[in-house]
Protein backbone atom coordinates (compact mmCIF):
# COMPACT_ATOMS: atom_id res chain seq x y z
CA UNK A 1 -210.98 -130.49 -2.97
CA UNK A 2 -213.64 -129.25 -5.43
CA UNK A 3 -212.25 -128.18 -8.80
CA UNK A 4 -214.15 -127.82 -12.06
CA UNK A 5 -213.38 -127.01 -15.67
CA UNK A 6 -215.51 -124.48 -17.55
CA UNK A 7 -215.23 -124.58 -21.32
CA UNK A 8 -216.69 -121.37 -22.76
CA UNK A 9 -218.00 -120.94 -26.30
CA UNK A 10 -217.89 -124.69 -26.92
CA UNK A 11 -217.29 -125.72 -30.51
CA UNK A 12 -217.44 -129.05 -32.32
CA UNK A 13 -213.62 -129.14 -32.20
CA UNK A 14 -213.82 -129.27 -28.36
CA UNK A 15 -215.49 -132.67 -28.53
CA UNK A 16 -213.41 -135.50 -27.15
CA UNK A 17 -211.92 -137.04 -24.03
CA UNK A 18 -211.00 -134.96 -20.96
CA UNK A 19 -209.00 -136.35 -18.02
CA UNK A 20 -208.86 -135.05 -14.46
CA UNK A 21 -205.73 -136.01 -12.51
CA UNK A 22 -205.47 -135.68 -8.72
CA UNK A 23 -201.93 -135.80 -7.35
CA UNK A 24 -201.11 -136.06 -3.64
CA UNK A 25 -198.20 -137.23 -1.51
CA UNK A 26 -199.98 -140.62 -1.40
CA UNK A 27 -200.13 -141.04 -5.18
CA UNK A 28 -202.39 -140.07 -8.03
CA UNK A 29 -205.80 -140.90 -9.44
CA UNK A 30 -207.19 -140.13 -12.88
CA UNK A 31 -210.74 -140.10 -14.17
CA UNK A 32 -211.72 -139.46 -17.77
CA UNK A 33 -214.94 -138.39 -19.39
CA UNK A 34 -216.05 -137.67 -22.92
CA UNK A 35 -217.56 -134.42 -24.10
CA UNK A 36 -220.06 -134.80 -26.92
CA UNK A 37 -221.03 -131.60 -28.72
CA UNK A 38 -224.28 -131.14 -30.59
CA UNK A 39 -225.59 -128.10 -32.42
CA UNK A 40 -229.23 -127.48 -33.30
CA UNK A 41 -230.25 -127.05 -36.89
CA UNK A 42 -232.12 -123.94 -37.93
CA UNK A 43 -235.85 -124.23 -38.54
CA UNK A 44 -236.29 -125.70 -42.01
CA UNK A 45 -237.02 -123.50 -45.00
CA UNK A 46 -239.05 -125.12 -47.79
CA UNK A 47 -239.55 -123.85 -51.34
CA UNK A 48 -240.12 -125.15 -54.85
CA UNK A 49 -239.07 -124.36 -58.42
CA UNK A 50 -241.27 -123.18 -59.94
CA UNK A 51 -242.90 -121.54 -56.92
CA UNK A 52 -246.18 -120.54 -58.57
CA UNK A 53 -248.51 -121.46 -61.38
CA UNK A 54 -247.84 -125.18 -60.97
CA UNK A 55 -250.06 -127.23 -63.28
CA UNK A 56 -250.78 -130.92 -63.79
CA UNK A 57 -247.95 -132.93 -65.39
CA UNK A 58 -245.30 -130.25 -64.65
CA UNK A 59 -241.92 -131.12 -63.13
CA UNK A 60 -241.44 -129.46 -59.75
CA UNK A 61 -238.30 -129.53 -57.62
CA UNK A 62 -238.90 -129.02 -53.89
CA UNK A 63 -236.16 -127.95 -51.50
CA UNK A 64 -235.86 -128.23 -47.72
CA UNK A 65 -232.90 -126.62 -46.00
CA UNK A 66 -231.88 -126.60 -42.34
CA UNK A 67 -228.36 -125.41 -41.52
CA UNK A 68 -225.92 -125.13 -38.63
CA UNK A 69 -226.39 -128.52 -37.01
CA UNK A 70 -224.11 -131.25 -35.74
CA UNK A 71 -224.06 -134.24 -35.85
CA UNK A 72 -225.52 -135.04 -39.22
CA UNK A 73 -229.31 -135.23 -39.24
CA UNK A 74 -231.82 -136.46 -41.77
CA UNK A 75 -234.70 -134.92 -43.68
CA UNK A 76 -237.70 -136.99 -44.61
CA UNK A 77 -240.31 -136.09 -47.23
CA UNK A 78 -243.96 -137.15 -46.96
CA UNK A 79 -246.92 -136.12 -49.11
CA UNK A 80 -250.42 -135.30 -47.88
CA UNK A 81 -251.33 -139.01 -48.00
CA UNK A 82 -248.41 -140.07 -45.79
CA UNK A 83 -246.39 -141.56 -48.67
CA UNK A 84 -242.67 -141.45 -47.88
CA UNK A 85 -240.72 -139.81 -50.74
CA UNK A 86 -237.41 -139.71 -48.85
CA UNK A 87 -235.70 -142.25 -51.14
CA UNK A 88 -236.12 -139.79 -54.03
CA UNK A 89 -234.40 -136.96 -52.12
CA UNK A 90 -230.79 -135.78 -52.29
CA UNK A 91 -228.85 -133.82 -49.68
CA UNK A 92 -225.97 -131.33 -49.67
CA UNK A 93 -223.21 -130.32 -47.27
CA UNK A 94 -222.44 -126.93 -45.74
CA UNK A 95 -218.84 -127.74 -44.73
CA UNK A 96 -216.81 -127.06 -41.54
CA UNK A 97 -218.39 -129.95 -39.66
CA UNK A 98 -221.88 -128.59 -40.12
CA UNK A 99 -224.51 -129.85 -42.50
CA UNK A 100 -227.10 -128.43 -44.82
CA UNK A 101 -229.86 -130.97 -45.15
């Protein structure tokens, strides 16, 4: 007996436990497995406000956005010297189980 289950167009909501039951005249056997769904984030887009004519001592807000992924990922910020600025960053949410980072 060789039976398989094909789940088409998998979504995050399909994640979870699946059980296969085999029933015969000698009894039954069950085996369960877990399906873990991941979704890739888009390539990041990076921009700043203001975008041009940035001068010394100006305040600049930089944005990095990658959407469509699951599970939640992280974005890290580093400057040209390798200094980690991640603790100064904030993130947002895109909703519906997907994240905007």
